Amino acid sequence: MSVLVGFALLLVAVFGVSYAVGRQVGPVAPGLRPAGGGGGTSPGTGGHDMGGMR
């Protein structure tokens, strides 16, 4: 039982440090937009019609 509690505490510590470092570093891609935001074509398609592909 104590091994399980120790492992859980280790996970909490690792995720806490990871979160703190991520907050300090900032966004990885500042221009990145959410998947549902904005209209137009999907990234990577170039606006080309794929015909009958499903």
PDB file of N, CA and C in Angstrom:
ATOM      1  N   MET A   1       0.826  -1.191   0.000  1.00  0.00           N
ATOM      2  CA  MET A   1       0.000   0.000   0.000  1.00  0.00           C
ATOM      3  C   MET A   1       0.868   1.251   0.000  1.00  0.00           C
ATOM      4  N   SER A   2       1.936   1.272   0.783  1.00  0.00           N
ATOM      5  CA  SER A   2       2.798   2.454   0.840  1.00  0.00           C
ATOM      6  C   SER A   2       3.520   2.673  -0.493  1.00  0.00           C
ATOM      7  N   VAL A   3       3.777   1.601  -1.241  1.00  0.00           N
ATOM      8  CA  VAL A   3       4.414   1.740  -2.552  1.00  0.00           C
ATOM      9  C   VAL A   3       3.468   2.461  -3.506  1.00  0.00           C
ATOM     10  N   LEU A   4       2.191   2.139  -3.447  1.00  0.00           N
ATOM     11  CA  LEU A   4       1.195   2.779  -4.298  1.00  0.00           C
ATOM     12  C   LEU A   4       1.064   4.271  -3.969  1.00  0.00           C
ATOM     13  N   VAL A   5       1.053   4.595  -2.695  1.00  0.00           N
ATOM     14  CA  VAL A   5       0.977   5.997  -2.274  1.00  0.00           C
ATOM     15  C   VAL A   5       2.233   6.747  -2.709  1.00  0.00           C
ATOM     16  N   GLY A   6       3.380   6.130  -2.570  1.00  0.00           N
ATOM     17  CA  GLY A   6       4.629   6.750  -3.005  1.00  0.00           C
ATOM     18  C   GLY A   6       4.649   7.000  -4.500  1.00  0.00           C
ATOM     19  N   PHE A   7       4.137   6.027  -5.266  1.00  0.00           N
ATOM     20  CA  PHE A   7       4.077   6.186  -6.711  1.00  0.00           C
ATOM     21  C   PHE A   7       3.125   7.316  -7.094  1.00  0.00           C
ATOM     22  N   ALA A   8       1.985   7.405  -6.416  1.00  0.00           N
ATOM     23  CA  ALA A   8       1.024   8.477  -6.689  1.00  0.00           C
ATOM     24  C   ALA A   8       1.634   9.839  -6.367  1.00  0.00           C
ATOM     25  N   LEU A   9       2.358   9.943  -5.270  1.00  0.00           N
ATOM     26  CA  LEU A   9       3.016  11.197  -4.921  1.00  0.00           C
ATOM     27  C   LEU A   9       4.102  11.563  -5.938  1.00  0.00           C
ATOM     28  N   LEU A  10       4.813  10.565  -6.428  1.00  0.00           N
ATOM     29  CA  LEU A  10       5.820  10.802  -7.451  1.00  0.00           C
ATOM     30  C   LEU A  10       5.173  11.328  -8.733  1.00  0.00           C
ATOM     31  N   LEU A  11       4.053  10.742  -9.125  1.00  0.00           N
ATOM     32  CA  LEU A  11       3.334  11.222 -10.306  1.00  0.00           C
ATOM     33  C   LEU A  11       2.870  12.666 -10.136  1.00  0.00           C
ATOM     34  N   VAL A  12       2.335  12.969  -8.979  1.00  0.00           N
ATOM     35  CA  VAL A  12       1.879  14.336  -8.712  1.00  0.00           C
ATOM     36  C   VAL A  12       3.055  15.307  -8.787  1.00  0.00           C
ATOM     37  N   ALA A  13       4.190  14.923  -8.232  1.00  0.00           N
ATOM     38  CA  ALA A  13       5.369  15.791  -8.258  1.00  0.00           C
ATOM     39  C   ALA A  13       5.875  15.992  -9.683  1.00  0.00           C
ATOM     40  N   VAL A  14       5.923  14.922 -10.473  1.00  0.00           N
ATOM     41  CA  VAL A  14       6.414  15.029 -11.846  1.00  0.00           C
ATOM     42  C   VAL A  14       5.487  15.911 -12.677  1.00  0.00           C
ATOM     43  N   PHE A  15       4.168  15.702 -12.553  1.00  0.00           N
ATOM     44  CA  PHE A  15       3.231  16.523 -13.314  1.00  0.00           C
ATOM     45  C   PHE A  15       3.245  17.973 -12.835  1.00  0.00           C
ATOM     46  N   GLY A  16       3.444  18.179 -11.554  1.00  0.00           N
ATOM     47  CA  GLY A  16       3.528  19.539 -11.029  1.00  0.00           C
ATOM     48  C   GLY A  16       4.734  20.284 -11.573  1.00  0.00           C
ATOM     49  N   VAL A  17       5.879  19.635 -11.598  1.00  0.00           N
ATOM     50  CA  VAL A  17       7.086  20.251 -12.145  1.00  0.00           C
ATOM     51  C   VAL A  17       6.909  20.503 -13.640  1.00  0.00           C
ATOM     52  N   SER A  18       6.319  19.542 -14.342  1.00  0.00           N
ATOM     53  CA  SER A  18       6.084  19.695 -15.773  1.00  0.00           C
ATOM     54  C   SER A  18       5.163  20.883 -16.054  1.00  0.00           C
ATOM     55  N   TYR A  19       4.127  21.024 -15.276  1.00  0.00           N
ATOM     56  CA  TYR A  19       3.195  22.140 -15.437  1.00  0.00           C
ATOM     57  C   TYR A  19       3.895  23.474 -15.179  1.00  0.00           C
ATOM     58  N   ALA A  20       4.704  23.526 -14.126  1.00  0.00           N
ATOM     59  CA  ALA A  20       5.411  24.759 -13.780  1.00  0.00           C
ATOM     60  C   ALA A  20       6.392  25.159 -14.880  1.00  0.00           C
ATOM     61  N   VAL A  21       7.110  24.195 -15.419  1.00  0.00           N
ATOM     62  CA  VAL A  21       8.053  24.487 -16.499  1.00  0.00           C
ATOM     63  C   VAL A  21       7.297  24.952 -17.738  1.00  0.00           C
ATOM     64  N   GLY A  22       6.192  24.307 -18.047  1.00  0.00           N
ATOM     65  CA  GLY A  22       5.391  24.707 -19.202  1.00  0.00           C
ATOM     66  C   GLY A  22       4.838  26.108 -19.069  1.00  0.00           C
ATOM     67  N   ARG A  23       4.450  26.492 -17.873  1.00  0.00           N
ATOM     68  CA  ARG A  23       3.945  27.854 -17.647  1.00  0.00           C
ATOM     69  C   ARG A  23       5.057  28.882 -17.827  1.00  0.00           C
ATOM     70  N   GLN A  24       6.270  28.532 -17.416  1.00  0.00           N
ATOM     71  CA  GLN A  24       7.390  29.456 -17.546  1.00  0.00           C
ATOM     72  C   GLN A  24       7.823  29.613 -19.000  1.00  0.00           C
ATOM     73  N   VAL A  25       7.811  28.530 -19.764  1.00  0.00           N
ATOM     74  CA  VAL A  25       8.279  28.556 -21.146  1.00  0.00           C
ATOM     75  C   VAL A  25       7.278  29.275 -22.037  1.00  0.00           C
ATOM     76  N   GLY A  26       6.003  29.058 -21.809  1.00  0.00           N
ATOM     77  CA  GLY A  26       4.979  29.702 -22.624  1.00  0.00           C
ATOM     78  C   GLY A  26       4.522  28.798 -23.754  1.00  0.00           C
ATOM     79  N   PRO A  27       3.707  29.346 -24.656  1.00  0.00           N
ATOM     80  CA  PRO A  27       3.169  28.529 -25.738  1.00  0.00           C
ATOM     81  C   PRO A  27       4.258  28.091 -26.714  1.00  0.00           C
ATOM     82  N   VAL A  28       4.110  26.898 -27.226  1.00  0.00           N
ATOM     83  CA  VAL A  28       5.085  26.358 -28.171  1.00  0.00           C
ATOM     84  C   VAL A  28       4.900  27.001 -29.536  1.00  0.00           C
ATOM     85  N   ALA A  29       3.644  27.168 -29.962  1.00  0.00           N
ATOM     86  CA  ALA A  29       3.337  27.768 -31.258  1.00  0.00           C
ATOM     87  C   ALA A  29       2.364  28.922 -31.017  1.00  0.00           C
ATOM     88  N   PRO A  30       2.865  30.153 -30.861  1.00  0.00           N
ATOM     89  CA  PRO A  30       1.995  31.276 -30.524  1.00  0.00           C
ATOM     90  C   PRO A  30       0.886  31.541 -31.535  1.00  0.00           C
ATOM     91  N   GLY A  31       1.077  31.217 -32.824  1.00  0.00           N
ATOM     92  CA  GLY A  31       0.066  31.474 -33.834  1.00  0.00           C
ATOM     93  C   GLY A  31      -0.930  30.352 -34.007  1.00  0.00           C
ATOM     94  N   LEU A  32      -0.825  29.318 -33.207  1.00  0.00           N
ATOM     95  CA  LEU A  32      -1.692  28.152 -33.354  1.00  0.00           C
ATOM     96  C   LEU A  32      -3.115  28.499 -32.956  1.00  0.00           C
ATOM     97  N   ARG A  33      -4.067  28.098 -33.789  1.00  0.00           N
ATOM     98  CA  ARG A  33      -5.476  28.365 -33.536  1.00  0.00           C
ATOM     99  C   ARG A  33      -6.188  27.077 -33.140  1.00  0.00           C
ATOM    100  N   PRO A  34      -7.261  27.180 -32.358  1.00  0.00           N
ATOM    101  CA  PRO A  34      -8.036  25.987 -32.005  1.00  0.00           C
ATOM    102  C   PRO A  34      -8.624  25.329 -33.247  1.00  0.00           C
ATOM    103  N   ALA A  35      -8.925  24.059 -33.162  1.00  0.00           N
ATOM    104  CA  ALA A  35      -9.425  23.286 -34.299  1.00  0.00           C
ATOM    105  C   ALA A  35     -10.732  23.851 -34.837  1.00  0.00           C
ATOM    106  N   GLY A  36     -11.632  24.327 -33.976  1.00  0.00           N
ATOM    107  CA  GLY A  36     -12.924  24.815 -34.432  1.00  0.00           C
ATOM    108  C   GLY A  36     -12.926  26.281 -34.794  1.00  0.00           C
ATOM    109  N   GLY A  37     -11.830  26.988 -34.602  1.00  0.00           N
ATOM    110  CA  GLY A  37     -11.819  28.429 -34.822  1.00  0.00           C
ATOM    111  C   GLY A  37     -11.563  28.822 -36.264  1.00  0.00           C
ATOM    112  N   GLY A  38     -12.399  29.675 -36.792  1.00  0.00           N
ATOM    113  CA  GLY A  38     -12.194  30.208 -38.139  1.00  0.00           C
ATOM    114  C   GLY A  38     -12.762  29.318 -39.217  1.00  0.00           C
ATOM    115  N   GLY A  39     -12.965  29.924 -40.361  1.00  0.00           N
ATOM    116  CA  GLY A  39     -13.511  29.169 -41.486  1.00  0.00           C
ATOM    117  C   GLY A  39     -12.432  28.856 -42.497  1.00  0.00           C
ATOM    118  N   GLY A  40     -12.860  28.536 -43.701  1.00  0.00           N
ATOM    119  CA  GLY A  40     -11.908  28.260 -44.765  1.00  0.00           C
ATOM    120  C   GLY A  40     -11.583  26.791 -44.848  1.00  0.00           C
ATOM    121  N   THR A  41     -10.491  26.503 -45.524  1.00  0.00           N
ATOM    122  CA  THR A  41     -10.106  25.110 -45.723  1.00  0.00           C
ATOM    123  C   THR A  41      -9.291  24.611 -44.546  1.00  0.00           C
ATOM    124  N   SER A  42      -9.203  23.324 -44.444  1.00  0.00           N
ATOM    125  CA  SER A  42      -8.398  22.717 -43.391  1.00  0.00           C
ATOM    126  C   SER A  42      -6.926  22.898 -43.712  1.00  0.00           C
ATOM    127  N   PRO A  43      -6.078  23.027 -42.695  1.00  0.00           N
ATOM    128  CA  PRO A  43      -4.649  23.149 -42.955  1.00  0.00           C
ATOM    129  C   PRO A  43      -4.119  21.912 -43.658  1.00  0.00           C
ATOM    130  N   GLY A  44      -3.276  22.127 -44.640  1.00  0.00           N
ATOM    131  CA  GLY A  44      -2.660  21.010 -45.329  1.00  0.00           C
ATOM    132  C   GLY A  44      -3.404  20.578 -46.583  1.00  0.00           C
ATOM    133  N   THR A  45      -4.647  21.028 -46.797  1.00  0.00           N
ATOM    134  CA  THR A  45      -5.369  20.608 -47.988  1.00  0.00           C
ATOM    135  C   THR A  45      -5.068  21.517 -49.159  1.00  0.00           C
ATOM    136  N   GLY A  46      -4.676  22.745 -48.905  1.00  0.00           N
ATOM    137  CA  GLY A  46      -4.369  23.663 -49.969  1.00  0.00           C
ATOM    138  C   GLY A  46      -5.585  24.096 -50.763  1.00  0.00           C
ATOM    139  N   GLY A  47      -6.779  23.783 -50.306  1.00  0.00           N
ATOM    140  CA  GLY A  47      -7.996  24.179 -50.970  1.00  0.00           C
ATOM    141  C   GLY A  47      -8.366  23.316 -52.153  1.00  0.00           C
ATOM    142  N   HIS A  48      -7.684  22.230 -52.368  1.00  0.00           N
ATOM    143  CA  HIS A  48      -7.973  21.354 -53.506  1.00  0.00           C
ATOM    144  C   HIS A  48      -9.118  20.422 -53.188  1.00  0.00           C
ATOM    145  N   ASP A  49      -9.976  20.212 -54.172  1.00  0.00           N
ATOM    146  CA  ASP A  49     -11.073  19.270 -54.023  1.00  0.00           C
ATOM    147  C   ASP A  49     -10.535  17.858 -54.245  1.00  0.00           C
ATOM    148  N   MET A  50     -10.898  16.943 -53.365  1.00  0.00           N
ATOM    149  CA  MET A  50     -10.395  15.582 -53.461  1.00  0.00           C
ATOM    150  C   MET A  50     -11.309  14.692 -54.288  1.00  0.00           C
ATOM    151  N   GLY A  51     -12.242  15.260 -55.009  1.00  0.00           N
ATOM    152  CA  GLY A  51     -13.107  14.461 -55.873  1.00  0.00           C
ATOM    153  C   GLY A  51     -14.024  13.556 -55.087  1.00  0.00           C
ATOM    154  N   GLY A  52     -14.076  12.295 -55.475  1.00  0.00           N
ATOM    155  CA  GLY A  52     -14.987  11.342 -54.846  1.00  0.00           C
ATOM    156  C   GLY A  52     -14.401  10.616 -53.654  1.00  0.00           C
ATOM    157  N   MET A  53     -13.246  11.044 -53.175  1.00  0.00           N
ATOM    158  CA  MET A  53     -12.640  10.350 -52.027  1.00  0.00           C
ATOM    159  C   MET A  53     -13.462  10.572 -50.784  1.00  0.00           C
ATOM    160  N   ARG A  54     -13.549   9.560 -49.972  1.00  0.00           N
ATOM    161  CA  ARG A  54     -14.295   9.652 -48.722  1.00  0.00           C
ATOM    162  C   ARG A  54     -13.377   9.483 -47.560  1.00  0.00           C
TER     163      ARG A  54
END
